[in-house]
Each structure stands twice: as structure tokens, then as C-alpha cells.
Amino acid sequence: MSLRSTASYRGTVVDHARNREFVYESKLERGFIYISLASSLVEDYLDQPPPVEYSDENGRLAMHTFDAFVDLVDGTRAAVDVKPKSKVVKSGVLQVQRLIEQQHGKSVADVYLVRTEDHIHPDDEADAKLLLRARRLLCEKADAVVAGLAVGLHGWCRLRDLVAASGIGGDAFNAIVRLIGIGGLEVWDDARISYECFVRRARA
């Protein structure tokens, strides 16, 4: 990892399901990792991939290291750079991605993406962390109880009340989070998942 920045924010995210650690170098990158790992659309995540060689606009050899390669369940591979919105233009990353795509095409990735704070909201990161934790605490009995309650929902219900109706406490909360994660329940106004948010049975 680069040691040049005095404002860096480095660490790792542990994915217990894959038994792997993922390295991040900024808060935005950390958020993107959590959201990606929690997403049902993502098959695998490669952090800090090997650099890609390309020719710049002057024909000089250059190297670019993407922040991640993300493999989706539909077979698509995305090459991703994560940057603050204020630095996207100045960094020239869009031009670099365009050159790599022109020179390498789909041999590197099917799509090339830049992700900023417009795509990585703190509430989404918090929900992703909550979902990953709930998945580690899998309880099939609690899932069955909550699924049965969800079928009977007509309209919005405070999550706290759904937990109380289950009679099984914290296990129900985690089961509700898992059900939200697979699309069985939806959260009103895309609020952060908590005991105080409102949920309802997801519409078909």
C-alpha cells in the first residue's frame, strides 16, 4: 500500500463467509467493500489487483492499479476505481479507464466504473455491515418464524414490533435483517435498518 498520503485511512475488512481479508486505503473504499460483500449481485471481490499496463495519450507506457475487480453473479466483471467526487476530474481516472478499455477491451473487464460518495452512502455501509453480521449468526428457526410473520404483514410495521411479535428477541432482529437482505422485506424510505425503521412484505 502507498505510504505517501498523510491523510490516508487504512485497514482491512474481514469477510467470514469467504474467510478472507480485504484491504482498503480510504473510508470510501471501505464502504464500497462492505456494500459489495453484502450485495446479492456480487459473486466475488478482488482488492488491490495487479496493475494494468497501457499506453497513455503520448504513447508512453503507463500502469494503473484499479481499487477492485468485482465479479457479479451474472458473469460480468467490473473494474472499479473508488474516489471522492471532488477528485475524479483532477485525477484523470476517467481518461485512464477509457484508454485501458480501448486497448484491452474485455480482456481486463466487461465494464469500467468509478464509484464516489454518490454511490457509497453511510446508511448503505451501515446496513451492509449489519447484514454481514446477521449472516454470521444464522438461525434457521428464527428465519422460519420471521418468514411466517412477514407473510401475514399488510402494510408497514415497525421493525421493533415485528421482533416483539416473534417472541424470540435478538434472533428475530437478525432474521429480519437477513430477510431484508434477500428482498423478502423492504424498508420504508430506504431508511437505515434499525429497531425503529418501518418494514413491509416486499412487493412482487
Protein backbone atom coordinates (compact mmCIF):
# COMPACT_ATOMS: atom_id res chain seq x y z
CA MET A 1 0.00 0.00 0.00
CA SER A 2 1.14 3.52 -0.75
CA LEU A 3 2.60 5.40 2.21
CA ARG A 4 2.75 8.82 0.54
CA SER A 5 -0.55 10.28 1.76
CA THR A 6 -0.67 11.94 5.17
CA ALA A 7 -4.47 11.75 5.14
CA SER A 8 -4.81 8.06 4.43
CA TYR A 9 -7.21 5.74 6.20
CA ARG A 10 -6.01 2.15 6.01
CA GLY A 11 -7.30 -1.11 7.35
CA THR A 12 -8.93 -4.40 6.48
CA VAL A 13 -12.44 -5.80 6.23
CA VAL A 14 -12.80 -9.44 7.28
CA ASP A 15 -15.27 -11.50 5.26
CA HIS A 16 -16.05 -14.53 7.40
CA ALA A 17 -18.08 -16.21 4.66
CA ARG A 18 -15.08 -16.23 2.31
CA ASN A 19 -12.51 -16.48 5.12
CA ARG A 20 -10.60 -13.56 3.61
CA GLU A 21 -9.38 -10.08 4.49
CA PHE A 22 -9.85 -7.17 2.10
CA VAL A 23 -7.55 -4.15 2.24
CA TYR A 24 -8.85 -0.59 1.96
CA GLU A 25 -6.99 2.71 1.81
CA SER A 26 -9.85 5.15 2.39
CA LYS A 27 -13.21 5.33 4.13
CA LEU A 28 -14.94 5.36 0.75
CA GLU A 29 -13.14 2.21 -0.30
CA ARG A 30 -14.07 0.55 3.00
CA GLY A 31 -17.71 1.40 2.40
CA PHE A 32 -17.57 0.04 -1.13
CA ILE A 33 -16.12 -3.25 0.13
CA TYR A 34 -18.85 -3.70 2.75
CA ILE A 35 -21.62 -2.88 0.27
CA SER A 36 -20.15 -5.21 -2.36
CA LEU A 37 -19.71 -8.14 0.04
CA ALA A 38 -23.28 -7.78 1.28
CA SER A 39 -24.81 -7.47 -2.19
CA SER A 40 -26.66 -10.45 -3.64
CA LEU A 41 -25.41 -9.33 -7.06
CA VAL A 42 -21.72 -9.87 -6.21
CA GLU A 43 -20.06 -13.25 -6.63
CA ASP A 44 -16.50 -12.29 -5.68
CA TYR A 45 -14.33 -9.27 -4.86
CA LEU A 46 -10.63 -8.82 -5.62
CA ASP A 47 -8.99 -5.97 -3.74
CA GLN A 48 -5.70 -4.35 -4.74
CA PRO A 49 -5.45 -6.29 -8.04
CA PRO A 50 -2.26 -6.40 -10.13
CA PRO A 51 -1.57 -3.22 -12.15
CA VAL A 52 -2.72 -2.99 -15.77
CA GLU A 53 -0.28 -1.81 -18.43
CA TYR A 54 -1.45 0.67 -21.08
CA SER A 55 -0.17 3.44 -23.35
CA ASP A 56 -1.03 6.98 -22.31
CA GLU A 57 -2.13 9.74 -24.72
CA ASN A 58 1.50 10.44 -25.61
CA GLY A 59 2.23 6.81 -26.38
CA ARG A 60 4.25 6.29 -23.21
CA LEU A 61 3.95 3.08 -21.25
CA ALA A 62 1.97 3.54 -18.04
CA MET A 63 0.50 1.40 -15.28
CA HIS A 64 -2.81 1.68 -13.48
CA THR A 65 -3.98 -0.24 -10.43
CA PHE A 66 -7.73 -0.46 -10.01
CA ASP A 67 -9.10 -0.41 -6.49
CA ALA A 68 -11.02 -3.62 -7.16
CA PHE A 69 -12.29 -6.15 -9.64
CA VAL A 70 -15.85 -7.16 -8.82
CA ASP A 71 -17.28 -10.37 -10.29
CA LEU A 72 -21.08 -10.33 -10.50
CA VAL A 73 -23.31 -13.38 -10.31
CA ASP A 74 -24.38 -12.86 -13.94
CA GLY A 75 -20.76 -13.35 -15.08
CA THR A 76 -19.93 -9.66 -15.56
CA ARG A 77 -16.55 -8.43 -14.33
CA ALA A 78 -16.29 -4.79 -13.31
CA ALA A 79 -13.02 -2.87 -12.94
CA VAL A 80 -13.61 -0.25 -10.26
CA ASP A 81 -11.87 2.89 -9.06
CA VAL A 82 -13.13 4.48 -5.84
CA LYS A 83 -12.53 8.22 -5.46
CA PRO A 84 -14.05 11.29 -3.81
CA LYS A 85 -16.25 13.08 -6.31
CA SER A 86 -14.12 16.23 -5.99
CA LYS A 87 -11.03 14.37 -7.24
CA VAL A 88 -12.45 12.41 -10.18
CA VAL A 89 -11.76 15.02 -12.87
CA LYS A 90 -8.40 16.14 -11.47
CA SER A 91 -7.16 12.57 -11.17
CA GLY A 92 -7.81 11.82 -14.83
CA VAL A 93 -9.16 8.40 -13.87
CA LEU A 94 -11.97 8.52 -16.44
CA GLN A 95 -9.45 9.08 -19.23
CA VAL A 96 -7.23 6.29 -17.89
CA GLN A 97 -10.17 3.89 -17.83
CA ARG A 98 -11.14 4.90 -21.36
CA LEU A 99 -7.62 4.19 -22.65
CA ILE A 100 -7.46 0.82 -20.89
CA GLU A 101 -10.85 -0.15 -22.27
CA GLN A 102 -9.81 0.87 -25.79
CA GLN A 103 -6.52 -1.04 -25.59
CA HIS A 104 -7.59 -4.11 -23.64
CA GLY A 105 -11.35 -4.27 -24.01
CA LYS A 106 -12.99 -7.14 -22.19
CA SER A 107 -9.73 -8.96 -21.55
CA VAL A 108 -9.44 -6.80 -18.40
CA ALA A 109 -13.11 -6.20 -17.56
CA ASP A 110 -16.57 -6.10 -19.08
CA VAL A 111 -17.36 -2.71 -17.56
CA TYR A 112 -15.25 0.10 -16.09
CA LEU A 113 -16.70 2.05 -13.17
CA VAL A 114 -15.80 4.97 -10.92
CA ARG A 115 -17.57 4.97 -7.58
CA THR A 116 -17.80 8.09 -5.38
CA GLU A 117 -19.75 9.17 -2.31
CA ASP A 118 -22.76 9.42 -4.64
CA HIS A 119 -22.75 5.61 -4.78
CA ILE A 120 -21.44 4.82 -1.27
CA HIS A 121 -23.84 6.24 1.32
CA PRO A 122 -23.06 5.82 5.05
CA ASP A 123 -26.50 4.27 5.60
CA ASP A 124 -25.81 1.66 2.91
CA GLU A 125 -22.46 0.85 4.51
CA ALA A 126 -24.09 0.50 7.94
CA ASP A 127 -26.80 -1.77 6.53
CA ALA A 128 -24.19 -3.88 4.76
CA LYS A 129 -22.19 -4.35 7.96
CA LEU A 130 -25.38 -5.27 9.79
CA LEU A 131 -26.33 -7.80 7.11
CA LEU A 132 -22.89 -9.43 7.08
CA ARG A 133 -23.07 -9.78 10.87
CA ALA A 134 -26.58 -11.24 10.70
CA ARG A 135 -25.46 -13.80 8.15
CA ARG A 136 -22.73 -14.97 10.53
CA LEU A 137 -25.39 -15.53 13.20
CA LEU A 138 -27.61 -17.70 11.02
CA CYS A 139 -30.54 -19.29 12.85
CA GLU A 140 -32.90 -21.30 10.66
CA LYS A 141 -35.57 -21.44 13.39
CA ALA A 142 -35.61 -17.66 13.67
CA ASP A 143 -35.72 -17.34 9.88
CA ALA A 144 -38.78 -19.60 9.77
CA VAL A 145 -40.57 -17.64 12.49
CA VAL A 146 -39.89 -14.28 10.85
CA ALA A 147 -40.80 -15.55 7.38
CA GLY A 148 -44.14 -16.70 8.77
CA LEU A 149 -44.80 -13.30 10.32
CA ALA A 150 -43.77 -11.49 7.15
CA VAL A 151 -46.32 -13.40 5.09
CA GLY A 152 -49.06 -12.02 7.30
CA LEU A 153 -47.95 -8.40 7.10
CA HIS A 154 -50.38 -5.98 5.46
CA GLY A 155 -48.78 -2.58 5.20
CA TRP A 156 -45.94 -1.09 7.20
CA CYS A 157 -44.82 -2.37 10.60
CA ARG A 158 -42.14 -1.00 12.91
CA LEU A 159 -39.28 -3.48 12.98
CA ARG A 160 -39.31 -3.38 16.79
CA ASP A 161 -42.92 -4.58 16.80
CA LEU A 162 -42.11 -7.43 14.45
CA VAL A 163 -39.33 -8.55 16.79
CA ALA A 164 -41.73 -8.39 19.75
CA ALA A 165 -44.36 -10.41 17.88
CA SER A 166 -41.81 -13.16 17.22
CA GLY A 167 -41.18 -13.77 20.91
CA ILE A 168 -37.55 -14.71 20.23
CA GLY A 169 -35.77 -11.38 20.74
CA GLY A 170 -32.43 -10.66 19.12
CA ASP A 171 -32.51 -13.74 16.91
CA ALA A 172 -35.61 -12.29 15.26
CA PHE A 173 -33.83 -8.98 14.60
CA ASN A 174 -31.03 -10.78 12.78
CA ALA A 175 -33.54 -12.89 10.87
CA ILE A 176 -35.38 -9.74 9.78
CA VAL A 177 -32.11 -8.25 8.56
CA ARG A 178 -31.40 -11.40 6.57
CA LEU A 179 -34.90 -11.30 5.08
CA ILE A 180 -34.35 -7.68 4.05
CA GLY A 181 -31.05 -8.75 2.51
CA ILE A 182 -32.71 -11.32 0.23
CA GLY A 183 -35.55 -9.00 -0.72
CA GLY A 184 -38.31 -10.57 1.37
CA LEU A 185 -38.91 -7.35 3.30
CA GLU A 186 -38.38 -3.75 2.27
CA VAL A 187 -37.57 -0.73 4.42
CA TRP A 188 -39.69 2.41 4.26
CA ASP A 189 -37.98 5.38 2.54
CA ASP A 190 -34.71 3.41 2.32
CA ALA A 191 -34.00 4.30 5.96
CA ARG A 192 -31.08 2.78 7.82
CA ILE A 193 -32.04 -0.59 9.26
CA SER A 194 -32.76 -0.31 12.99
CA TYR A 195 -35.37 -1.28 15.56
CA GLU A 196 -37.15 1.99 14.77
CA CYS A 197 -37.40 1.66 10.97
CA PHE A 198 -40.58 0.50 9.26
CA VAL A 199 -40.70 -2.64 7.11
CA ARG A 200 -43.29 -4.39 4.98
CA ARG A 201 -43.52 -7.50 2.87
CA ALA A 202 -41.72 -6.80 -0.38
CA ARG A 203 -43.97 -6.31 -3.35
CA ALA A 204 -43.64 -8.81 -6.18
